[in-house]
C-alpha atoms as a PDB file:
ATOM      1  CA  MET A   1     -15.249 -23.089  19.796  1.00  0.00           C
ATOM      2  CA  PHE A   2     -12.868 -24.532  17.221  1.00  0.00           C
ATOM      3  CA  ASP A   3     -12.404 -28.208  16.469  1.00  0.00           C
ATOM      4  CA  ALA A   4      -9.219 -30.107  15.600  1.00  0.00           C
ATOM      5  CA  HIS A   5      -9.955 -29.865  11.872  1.00  0.00           C
ATOM      6  CA  GLU A   6     -10.017 -26.064  11.951  1.00  0.00           C
ATOM      7  CA  THR A   7      -6.807 -26.003  13.980  1.00  0.00           C
ATOM      8  CA  THR A   8      -5.117 -28.292  11.437  1.00  0.00           C
ATOM      9  CA  LEU A   9      -6.228 -26.032   8.599  1.00  0.00           C
ATOM     10  CA  ALA A  10      -4.809 -23.030  10.461  1.00  0.00           C
ATOM     11  CA  ILE A  11      -1.453 -24.814  10.806  1.00  0.00           C
ATOM     12  CA  ILE A  12      -1.362 -25.684   7.085  1.00  0.00           C
ATOM     13  CA  TYR A  13      -2.304 -22.107   6.237  1.00  0.00           C
ATOM     14  CA  ALA A  14       0.500 -20.803   8.479  1.00  0.00           C
ATOM     15  CA  ILE A  15       3.042 -23.084   6.797  1.00  0.00           C
ATOM     16  CA  ILE A  16       2.000 -21.788   3.372  1.00  0.00           C
ATOM     17  CA  LEU A  17       2.267 -18.189   4.587  1.00  0.00           C
ATOM     18  CA  ILE A  18       5.788 -18.788   5.850  1.00  0.00           C
ATOM     19  CA  THR A  19       6.912 -20.795   2.812  1.00  0.00           C
ATOM     20  CA  ILE A  20       6.038 -18.202   0.159  1.00  0.00           C
ATOM     21  CA  PRO A  21       8.220 -15.327   1.486  1.00  0.00           C
ATOM     22  CA  VAL A  22      11.018 -17.745   2.460  1.00  0.00           C
ATOM     23  CA  VAL A  23      11.186 -19.146  -1.081  1.00  0.00           C
ATOM     24  CA  LEU A  24      11.116 -15.624  -2.563  1.00  0.00           C
ATOM     25  CA  ILE A  25      13.877 -14.397  -0.245  1.00  0.00           C
ATOM     26  CA  ALA A  26      15.989 -17.488  -0.971  1.00  0.00           C
ATOM     27  CA  ALA A  27      15.580 -17.053  -4.744  1.00  0.00           C
ATOM     28  CA  TYR A  28      16.473 -13.366  -4.610  1.00  0.00           C
ATOM     29  CA  SER A  29      19.439 -14.034  -2.325  1.00  0.00           C
ATOM     30  CA  LEU A  30      20.742 -16.499  -4.924  1.00  0.00           C
ATOM     31  CA  ARG A  31      20.255 -13.847  -7.603  1.00  0.00           C
ATOM     32  CA  ILE A  32      22.276 -11.372  -5.512  1.00  0.00           C
ATOM     33  CA  ALA A  33      25.030 -13.934  -4.981  1.00  0.00           C
ATOM     34  CA  LEU A  34      25.281 -14.691  -8.717  1.00  0.00           C
ATOM     35  CA  LYS A  35      24.563 -11.337 -10.389  1.00  0.00           C
ATOM     36  CA  GLY A  36      24.165  -8.736  -7.657  1.00  0.00           C
ATOM     37  CA  ARG A  37      21.070  -6.710  -6.839  1.00  0.00           C
ATOM     38  CA  ALA A  38      18.359  -6.312  -9.451  1.00  0.00           C
ATOM     39  CA  ARG A  39      18.352  -2.620 -10.341  1.00  0.00           C
ATOM     40  CA  PHE A  40      15.389  -0.876 -11.918  1.00  0.00           C
ATOM     41  CA  ASP A  41      15.048   2.776 -12.886  1.00  0.00           C
ATOM     42  CA  ARG A  42      11.507   2.745 -11.530  1.00  0.00           C
ATOM     43  CA  ILE A  43      12.708   1.722  -8.075  1.00  0.00           C
ATOM     44  CA  ASP A  44      15.699   4.071  -8.170  1.00  0.00           C
ATOM     45  CA  ASN A  45      13.379   6.985  -8.923  1.00  0.00           C
ATOM     46  CA  GLN A  46      10.992   5.953  -6.156  1.00  0.00           C
ATOM     47  CA  SER A  47      12.719   6.676  -2.877  1.00  0.00           C
ATOM     48  CA  SER A  48      12.548   4.206  -0.026  1.00  0.00           C
ATOM     49  CA  SER A  49      11.189   5.090   3.384  1.00  0.00           C
ATOM     50  CA  LYS A  50      11.554   4.274   7.051  1.00  0.00           C
ATOM     51  CA  PHE A  51       9.093   1.406   6.763  1.00  0.00           C
ATOM     52  CA  LEU A  52       9.791  -0.067   3.330  1.00  0.00           C
ATOM     53  CA  SER A  53      13.367  -0.499   2.121  1.00  0.00           C
ATOM     54  CA  LYS A  54      14.508  -0.246  -1.468  1.00  0.00           C
ATOM     55  CA  GLY A  55      15.857  -3.801  -1.272  1.00  0.00           C
ATOM     56  CA  VAL A  56      12.387  -5.192  -0.571  1.00  0.00           C
ATOM     57  CA  MET A  57      10.930  -3.206  -3.479  1.00  0.00           C
ATOM     58  CA  GLU A  58      13.688  -4.445  -5.792  1.00  0.00           C
ATOM     59  CA  MET A  59      13.013  -8.040  -4.766  1.00  0.00           C
ATOM     60  CA  GLY A  60       9.293  -7.708  -5.470  1.00  0.00           C
ATOM     61  CA  TYR A  61       9.871  -5.961  -8.785  1.00  0.00           C
ATOM     62  CA  TRP A  62      12.400  -8.617  -9.809  1.00  0.00           C
ATOM     63  CA  ALA A  63       9.982 -11.450  -8.956  1.00  0.00           C
ATOM     64  CA  LEU A  64       7.236  -9.894 -11.107  1.00  0.00           C
ATOM     65  CA  GLN A  65       9.382  -9.454 -14.227  1.00  0.00           C
ATOM     66  CA  PRO A  66       8.594 -12.913 -15.726  1.00  0.00           C
ATOM     67  CA  VAL A  67       4.884 -12.389 -15.097  1.00  0.00           C
ATOM     68  CA  ALA A  68       4.991  -9.008 -16.832  1.00  0.00           C
ATOM     69  CA  ARG A  69       6.758 -10.515 -19.845  1.00  0.00           C
ATOM     70  CA  LEU A  70       4.131 -13.259 -20.008  1.00  0.00           C
ATOM     71  CA  LEU A  71       1.342 -10.651 -20.019  1.00  0.00           C
ATOM     72  CA  VAL A  72       3.118  -8.772 -22.814  1.00  0.00           C
ATOM     73  CA  PHE A  73       3.430 -12.027 -24.769  1.00  0.00           C
ATOM     74  CA  PHE A  74      -0.331 -12.594 -24.536  1.00  0.00           C
ATOM     75  CA  GLN A  75      -0.919  -8.940 -25.521  1.00  0.00           C
ATOM     76  CA  ILE A  76      -2.735  -8.054 -22.315  1.00  0.00           C
ATOM     77  CA  THR A  77      -3.048  -4.266 -22.163  1.00  0.00           C
ATOM     78  CA  PRO A  78      -2.236  -2.160 -19.074  1.00  0.00           C
ATOM     79  CA  ASN A  79      -5.836  -0.942 -18.850  1.00  0.00           C
ATOM     80  CA  GLN A  80      -7.127  -4.511 -18.851  1.00  0.00           C
ATOM     81  CA  ILE A  81      -4.778  -5.292 -15.982  1.00  0.00           C
ATOM     82  CA  SER A  82      -5.925  -2.175 -14.109  1.00  0.00           C
ATOM     83  CA  TRP A  83      -9.610  -3.059 -14.403  1.00  0.00           C
ATOM     84  CA  THR A  84      -8.891  -6.626 -13.317  1.00  0.00           C
ATOM     85  CA  SER A  85      -7.047  -5.221 -10.320  1.00  0.00           C
ATOM     86  CA  ILE A  86     -10.065  -3.241  -9.155  1.00  0.00           C
ATOM     87  CA  VAL A  87     -12.337  -6.295  -9.566  1.00  0.00           C
ATOM     88  CA  PHE A  88     -10.061  -8.300  -7.269  1.00  0.00           C
ATOM     89  CA  GLY A  89      -9.995  -5.359  -4.854  1.00  0.00           C
ATOM     90  CA  PHE A  90     -13.791  -5.270  -4.742  1.00  0.00           C
ATOM     91  CA  LEU A  91     -13.983  -9.025  -4.146  1.00  0.00           C
ATOM     92  CA  ALA A  92     -11.437  -8.661  -1.338  1.00  0.00           C
ATOM     93  CA  GLY A  93     -13.573  -6.020   0.346  1.00  0.00           C
ATOM     94  CA  LEU A  94     -16.612  -8.265  -0.012  1.00  0.00           C
ATOM     95  CA  CYS A  95     -14.762 -11.120   1.692  1.00  0.00           C
ATOM     96  CA  LEU A  96     -13.762  -8.843   4.567  1.00  0.00           C
ATOM     97  CA  VAL A  97     -17.380  -7.761   5.052  1.00  0.00           C
ATOM     98  CA  PHE A  98     -18.068 -11.360   6.123  1.00  0.00           C
ATOM     99  CA  GLY A  99     -14.840 -11.746   8.120  1.00  0.00           C
ATOM    100  CA  HIS A 100     -12.991 -13.961   5.641  1.00  0.00           C
ATOM    101  CA  PHE A 101      -9.587 -12.473   6.436  1.00  0.00           C
ATOM    102  CA  GLY A 102      -7.530 -15.039   4.524  1.00  0.00           C
ATOM    103  CA  PHE A 103      -9.474 -14.659   1.281  1.00  0.00           C
ATOM    104  CA  GLY A 104      -9.490 -10.892   1.701  1.00  0.00           C
ATOM    105  CA  ALA A 105      -5.705 -10.887   2.102  1.00  0.00           C
ATOM    106  CA  ALA A 106      -5.156 -13.151  -0.907  1.00  0.00           C
ATOM    107  CA  LEU A 107      -7.433 -11.163  -3.213  1.00  0.00           C
ATOM    108  CA  THR A 108      -5.942  -7.845  -2.083  1.00  0.00           C
ATOM    109  CA  ALA A 109      -2.448  -9.228  -2.688  1.00  0.00           C
ATOM    110  CA  VAL A 110      -3.446 -10.247  -6.223  1.00  0.00           C
ATOM    111  CA  SER A 111      -5.013  -6.818  -6.787  1.00  0.00           C
ATOM    112  CA  SER A 112      -1.840  -5.072  -5.594  1.00  0.00           C
ATOM    113  CA  LEU A 113       0.396  -7.253  -7.759  1.00  0.00           C
ATOM    114  CA  LEU A 114      -1.770  -6.472 -10.780  1.00  0.00           C
ATOM    115  CA  ASP A 115      -1.524  -2.797  -9.881  1.00  0.00           C
ATOM    116  CA  THR A 116       2.260  -3.082 -10.115  1.00  0.00           C
ATOM    117  CA  LEU A 117       2.127  -5.199 -13.264  1.00  0.00           C
ATOM    118  CA  ASP A 118       0.024  -2.703 -15.232  1.00  0.00           C
ATOM    119  CA  GLY A 119       2.785  -0.123 -14.946  1.00  0.00           C
ATOM    120  CA  MET A 120       5.471  -2.668 -15.800  1.00  0.00           C
ATOM    121  CA  VAL A 121       3.574  -3.811 -18.891  1.00  0.00           C
ATOM    122  CA  ALA A 122       2.953  -0.203 -19.913  1.00  0.00           C
ATOM    123  CA  ARG A 123       6.672   0.547 -19.784  1.00  0.00           C
ATOM    124  CA  MET A 124       7.636  -2.666 -21.573  1.00  0.00           C
ATOM    125  CA  THR A 125       5.209  -1.934 -24.428  1.00  0.00           C
ATOM    126  CA  GLY A 126       5.844   1.809 -24.585  1.00  0.00           C
ATOM    127  CA  ARG A 127       2.285   2.619 -23.500  1.00  0.00           C
ATOM    128  CA  SER A 128       3.108   4.683 -20.447  1.00  0.00           C
ATOM    129  CA  SER A 129       1.073   7.878 -20.314  1.00  0.00           C
ATOM    130  CA  GLU A 130      -0.100  10.491 -17.850  1.00  0.00           C
ATOM    131  CA  ALA A 131      -3.692   9.402 -18.462  1.00  0.00           C
ATOM    132  CA  GLY A 132      -2.763   5.855 -17.490  1.00  0.00           C
ATOM    133  CA  GLU A 133      -1.104   7.075 -14.310  1.00  0.00           C
ATOM    134  CA  VAL A 134      -4.228   9.053 -13.391  1.00  0.00           C
ATOM    135  CA  LEU A 135      -6.380   5.959 -13.923  1.00  0.00           C
ATOM    136  CA  ASP A 136      -3.968   3.842 -11.910  1.00  0.00           C
ATOM    137  CA  SER A 137      -3.939   6.328  -9.035  1.00  0.00           C
ATOM    138  CA  ALA A 138      -7.737   6.532  -8.944  1.00  0.00           C
ATOM    139  CA  MET A 139      -8.063   2.749  -8.868  1.00  0.00           C
ATOM    140  CA  ASP A 140      -5.543   2.543  -6.032  1.00  0.00           C
ATOM    141  CA  ARG A 141      -7.849   4.709  -3.927  1.00  0.00           C
ATOM    142  CA  TYR A 142     -10.844   2.521  -4.726  1.00  0.00           C
ATOM    143  CA  VAL A 143      -9.028  -0.723  -3.887  1.00  0.00           C
ATOM    144  CA  GLU A 144      -7.844   0.677  -0.565  1.00  0.00           C
ATOM    145  CA  PHE A 145     -11.365   1.893   0.181  1.00  0.00           C
ATOM    146  CA  PHE A 146     -12.815  -1.544  -0.604  1.00  0.00           C
ATOM    147  CA  PHE A 147     -10.410  -3.150   1.897  1.00  0.00           C
ATOM    148  CA  LEU A 148     -10.937  -0.711   4.749  1.00  0.00           C
ATOM    149  CA  GLY A 149     -14.610  -0.203   3.926  1.00  0.00           C
ATOM    150  CA  GLY A 150     -15.173  -3.959   4.105  1.00  0.00           C
ATOM    151  CA  LEU A 151     -13.498  -4.053   7.507  1.00  0.00           C
ATOM    152  CA  ALA A 152     -15.555  -1.072   8.684  1.00  0.00           C
ATOM    153  CA  ILE A 153     -18.765  -2.966   7.867  1.00  0.00           C
ATOM    154  CA  TYR A 154     -17.453  -6.125   9.532  1.00  0.00           C
ATOM    155  CA  TYR A 155     -16.441  -4.233  12.688  1.00  0.00           C
ATOM    156  CA  SER A 156     -19.548  -2.008  12.682  1.00  0.00           C
ATOM    157  CA  GLY A 157     -20.903  -3.689  15.826  1.00  0.00           C
ATOM    158  CA  ILE A 158     -17.685  -3.002  17.801  1.00  0.00           C
ATOM    159  CA  THR A 159     -17.391   0.770  18.139  1.00  0.00           C
ATOM    160  CA  PRO A 160     -13.662   0.998  19.085  1.00  0.00           C
ATOM    161  CA  LEU A 161     -12.637  -1.176  16.118  1.00  0.00           C
ATOM    162  CA  LEU A 162     -14.937   0.736  13.781  1.00  0.00           C
ATOM    163  CA  ILE A 163     -13.326   4.010  14.872  1.00  0.00           C
ATOM    164  CA  LEU A 164      -9.868   2.461  14.450  1.00  0.00           C
ATOM    165  CA  THR A 165     -10.723   1.328  10.906  1.00  0.00           C
ATOM    166  CA  LEU A 166     -12.124   4.729   9.943  1.00  0.00           C
ATOM    167  CA  THR A 167      -9.034   6.426  11.388  1.00  0.00           C
ATOM    168  CA  ALA A 168      -6.835   4.166   9.264  1.00  0.00           C
ATOM    169  CA  LEU A 169      -8.966   5.057   6.235  1.00  0.00           C
ATOM    170  CA  LEU A 170      -8.598   8.766   7.019  1.00  0.00           C
ATOM    171  CA  GLY A 171      -4.821   8.438   7.396  1.00  0.00           C
ATOM    172  CA  SER A 172      -4.519   6.550   4.117  1.00  0.00           C
ATOM    173  CA  TYR A 173      -6.363   9.215   2.171  1.00  0.00           C
ATOM    174  CA  MET A 174      -4.607  12.110   3.885  1.00  0.00           C
ATOM    175  CA  VAL A 175      -1.169  10.663   3.096  1.00  0.00           C
ATOM    176  CA  SER A 176      -2.163  10.374  -0.566  1.00  0.00           C
ATOM    177  CA  TYR A 177      -3.650  13.884  -0.561  1.00  0.00           C
ATOM    178  CA  SER A 178      -0.640  15.449   1.160  1.00  0.00           C
ATOM    179  CA  SER A 179       1.663  13.769  -1.372  1.00  0.00           C
ATOM    180  CA  MET A 180      -0.461  15.113  -4.210  1.00  0.00           C
ATOM    181  CA  MET A 181      -0.321  18.622  -2.727  1.00  0.00           C
ATOM    182  CA  ALA A 182       3.471  18.409  -2.394  1.00  0.00           C
ATOM    183  CA  ARG A 183       3.762  17.522  -6.090  1.00  0.00           C
ATOM    184  CA  ALA A 184       1.275  20.149  -7.241  1.00  0.00           C
ATOM    185  CA  GLU A 185       2.323  22.667  -9.877  1.00  0.00           C
ATOM    186  CA  ALA A 186       2.266  25.533  -7.384  1.00  0.00           C
ATOM    187  CA  VAL A 187       4.521  23.750  -4.897  1.00  0.00           C
ATOM    188  CA  LYS A 188       6.720  21.148  -6.662  1.00  0.00           C
ATOM    189  CA  LEU A 189       8.607  19.986  -3.613  1.00  0.00           C
ATOM    190  CA  PRO A 190      11.710  17.861  -4.139  1.00  0.00           C
ATOM    191  CA  SER A 191      11.221  14.139  -3.531  1.00  0.00           C
ATOM    192  CA  ARG A 192      11.608  13.023   0.076  1.00  0.00           C
ATOM    193  CA  LYS A 193      11.444   9.665   1.841  1.00  0.00           C
ATOM    194  CA  TRP A 194       7.877  10.010   3.054  1.00  0.00           C
ATOM    195  CA  SER A 195       6.536   6.994   4.885  1.00  0.00           C
ATOM    196  CA  MET A 196       3.218   5.153   4.819  1.00  0.00           C
ATOM    197  CA  ARG A 197       2.728   5.384   1.070  1.00  0.00           C
ATOM    198  CA  ARG A 198       0.250   2.986  -0.473  1.00  0.00           C
ATOM    199  CA  PRO A 199       2.635   0.001  -0.976  1.00  0.00           C
ATOM    200  CA  GLU A 200       3.560   0.136   2.703  1.00  0.00           C
ATOM    201  CA  ARG A 201      -0.011   0.461   3.905  1.00  0.00           C
ATOM    202  CA  ILE A 202      -1.201  -2.400   1.729  1.00  0.00           C
ATOM    203  CA  LEU A 203       1.719  -4.555   2.878  1.00  0.00           C
ATOM    204  CA  TYR A 204       0.794  -4.151   6.549  1.00  0.00           C
ATOM    205  CA  LEU A 205      -2.930  -4.554   5.957  1.00  0.00           C
ATOM    206  CA  VAL A 206      -2.486  -7.680   3.841  1.00  0.00           C
ATOM    207  CA  PHE A 207      -0.146  -9.248   6.389  1.00  0.00           C
ATOM    208  CA  GLY A 208      -2.556  -8.377   9.190  1.00  0.00           C
ATOM    209  CA  ALA A 209      -5.446  -9.992   7.347  1.00  0.00           C
ATOM    210  CA  ALA A 210      -3.351 -13.000   6.264  1.00  0.00           C
ATOM    211  CA  LEU A 211      -2.129 -13.753   9.789  1.00  0.00           C
ATOM    212  CA  SER A 212      -5.532 -13.399  11.433  1.00  0.00           C
ATOM    213  CA  PRO A 213      -6.823 -16.873  10.427  1.00  0.00           C
ATOM    214  CA  VAL A 214      -3.719 -18.326  12.097  1.00  0.00           C
ATOM    215  CA  THR A 215      -4.259 -16.596  15.442  1.00  0.00           C
ATOM    216  CA  ILE A 216      -8.058 -16.882  15.682  1.00  0.00           C
ATOM    217  CA  PRO A 217      -8.187 -20.635  16.531  1.00  0.00           C
ATOM    218  CA  TRP A 218      -5.679 -20.160  19.380  1.00  0.00           C
ATOM    219  CA  PHE A 219      -6.396 -16.727  20.829  1.00  0.00           C
ATOM    220  CA  GLU A 220     -10.115 -16.457  20.242  1.00  0.00           C
ATOM    221  CA  ARG A 221     -11.421 -19.814  21.405  1.00  0.00           C
ATOM    222  CA  VAL A 222     -13.463 -17.893  23.941  1.00  0.00           C
ATOM    223  CA  ARG A 223     -14.612 -14.644  22.340  1.00  0.00           C
ATOM    224  CA  GLU A 224     -15.274 -11.348  24.045  1.00  0.00           C
ATOM    225  CA  PHE A 225     -17.192 -10.171  20.992  1.00  0.00           C
ATOM    226  CA  PRO A 226     -19.812 -11.832  18.798  1.00  0.00           C
ATOM    227  CA  ILE A 227     -17.328 -11.962  15.896  1.00  0.00           C
ATOM    228  CA  ALA A 228     -13.670 -12.916  15.535  1.00  0.00           C
ATOM    229  CA  ILE A 229     -11.650  -9.695  15.570  1.00  0.00           C
ATOM    230  CA  GLY A 230      -8.324 -11.060  14.264  1.00  0.00           C
ATOM    231  CA  HIS A 231      -5.602  -9.595  16.478  1.00  0.00           C
ATOM    232  CA  PRO A 232      -3.009  -9.207  13.675  1.00  0.00           C
ATOM    233  CA  MET A 233      -5.620  -7.298  11.679  1.00  0.00           C
ATOM    234  CA  VAL A 234      -6.196  -4.960  14.612  1.00  0.00           C
ATOM    235  CA  VAL A 235      -2.437  -4.443  15.004  1.00  0.00           C
ATOM    236  CA  ALA A 236      -2.077  -3.629  11.289  1.00  0.00           C
ATOM    237  CA  LEU A 237      -4.985  -1.186  11.450  1.00  0.00           C
ATOM    238  CA  SER A 238      -3.412   0.466  14.480  1.00  0.00           C
ATOM    239  CA  LEU A 239      -0.082   0.894  12.678  1.00  0.00           C
ATOM    240  CA  VAL A 240      -1.761   2.479   9.663  1.00  0.00           C
ATOM    241  CA  ALA A 241      -4.112   4.618  11.769  1.00  0.00           C
ATOM    242  CA  VAL A 242      -1.297   6.068  13.878  1.00  0.00           C
ATOM    243  CA  PHE A 243       1.601   6.360  11.459  1.00  0.00           C
ATOM    244  CA  ALA A 244      -0.377   7.308   8.333  1.00  0.00           C
ATOM    245  CA  ASN A 245      -2.022  10.241  10.104  1.00  0.00           C
ATOM    246  CA  PHE A 246       1.279  11.240  11.690  1.00  0.00           C
ATOM    247  CA  CYS A 247       3.079  11.112   8.331  1.00  0.00           C
ATOM    248  CA  ALA A 248       0.292  13.093   6.652  1.00  0.00           C
ATOM    249  CA  ILE A 249       0.551  15.829   9.283  1.00  0.00           C
ATOM    250  CA  GLU A 250       4.344  15.813   8.951  1.00  0.00           C
ATOM    251  CA  GLN A 251       4.132  16.183   5.192  1.00  0.00           C
ATOM    252  CA  PHE A 252       1.523  18.943   5.389  1.00  0.00           C
ATOM    253  CA  TRP A 253       3.666  20.808   7.920  1.00  0.00           C
ATOM    254  CA  HIS A 254       6.737  20.493   5.696  1.00  0.00           C
ATOM    255  CA  THR A 255       4.771  21.661   2.637  1.00  0.00           C
ATOM    256  CA  MET A 256       3.400  24.675   4.500  1.00  0.00           C
ATOM    257  CA  LYS A 257       6.888  25.504   5.791  1.00  0.00           C
ATOM    258  CA  VAL A 258       8.317  25.515   2.246  1.00  0.00           C
ATOM    259  CA  ILE A 259       5.413  27.587   0.904  1.00  0.00           C
ATOM    260  CA  ARG A 260       5.782  30.187   3.692  1.00  0.00           C
ATOM    261  CA  ALA A 261       9.538  30.386   3.105  1.00  0.00           C
ATOM    262  CA  ARG A 262       8.927  31.021  -0.596  1.00  0.00           C
ATOM    263  CA  GLU A 263       6.273  33.634   0.190  1.00  0.00           C
ATOM    264  CA  ALA A 264       8.667  35.394   2.568  1.00  0.00           C
ATOM    265  CA  GLU A 265      11.386  35.374  -0.094  1.00  0.00           C
ATOM    266  CA  GLU A 266       9.000  36.742  -2.725  1.00  0.00           C
ATOM    267  CA  ALA A 267       7.827  39.451  -0.319  1.00  0.00           C
ATOM    268  CA  LEU A 268      11.438  40.470   0.343  1.00  0.00           C
ATOM    269  CA  LEU A 269      12.176  40.641  -3.388  1.00  0.00           C
ATOM    270  CA  ASN A 270       9.060  42.773  -3.940  1.00  0.00           C
ATOM    271  CA  ASP A 271      10.144  45.144  -1.176  1.00  0.00           C
ATOM    272  CA  LEU A 272      13.588  45.464  -2.782  1.00  0.00           C
ATOM    273  CA  ARG A 273      11.982  46.183  -6.153  1.00  0.00           C
ATOM    274  CA  ASN A 274       9.724  48.825  -4.637  1.00  0.00           C
ATOM    275  CA  ASP A 275      12.665  50.465  -2.907  1.00  0.00           C
ATOM    276  CA  GLY A 276      14.615  50.477  -6.166  1.00  0.00           C
ATOM    277  CA  LEU A 277      17.465  48.483  -4.669  1.00  0.00           C
ATOM    278  CA  PRO A 278      19.540  46.100  -6.795  1.00  0.00           C
ATOM    279  CA  MET A 279      18.671  42.408  -6.446  1.00  0.00           C
END
């Protein structure tokens, strides 16, 4: 059972959650009214998707610009930011192991923002490199594993939720793997608006975790399970589990279709060469 103090804390927490995005949206709307949209080559080169619009990415990137400049001023290196990001990711997973959804959401949000900032700082200081991108990509996988792994441990006593969490983890990794295969040297597919990339997945998972402390005092006063499940967290996991796996399969199918079309074309050209016909 929850007392009045815990309910009051949940209300304050909810107000803070609502205030932050409202202030950000209001500030960016004013920027649009005065100067138009904030345009960045990085965002223009990174296509939007069904679930995450380019406008939202531009707003986030615009809001982080002053922070990136401050980090450059203090001579913080991109690698230092990357390693700090993974530390926050690990701490977030640790919080989720014990069911501290709010802290897990906050620490994951900080980790994700640092993950974006390391690339921004690298470009501002001319330190962008393929090695840095490899490191950044590897750390992204670890941070996502910490989040979902922490939830898997927390939900380990509830088999359906454990399976749901592991399915979300599988979908997350398969989307990343299918994207890597599509960009591989042997394939080199043109960029498409694939959905459920890491920024989208993290956005849903963080919101699910952040909203759970708000709903628990009202919807889980009488619990069916020995632990609080956090309904928004379950909804977010369901979205990632279903759509990430679907998008991974879609991307694999598209990649295989392109490869088979190329193989058929190469086979036809070889037949023409063998027959001595002009090509």
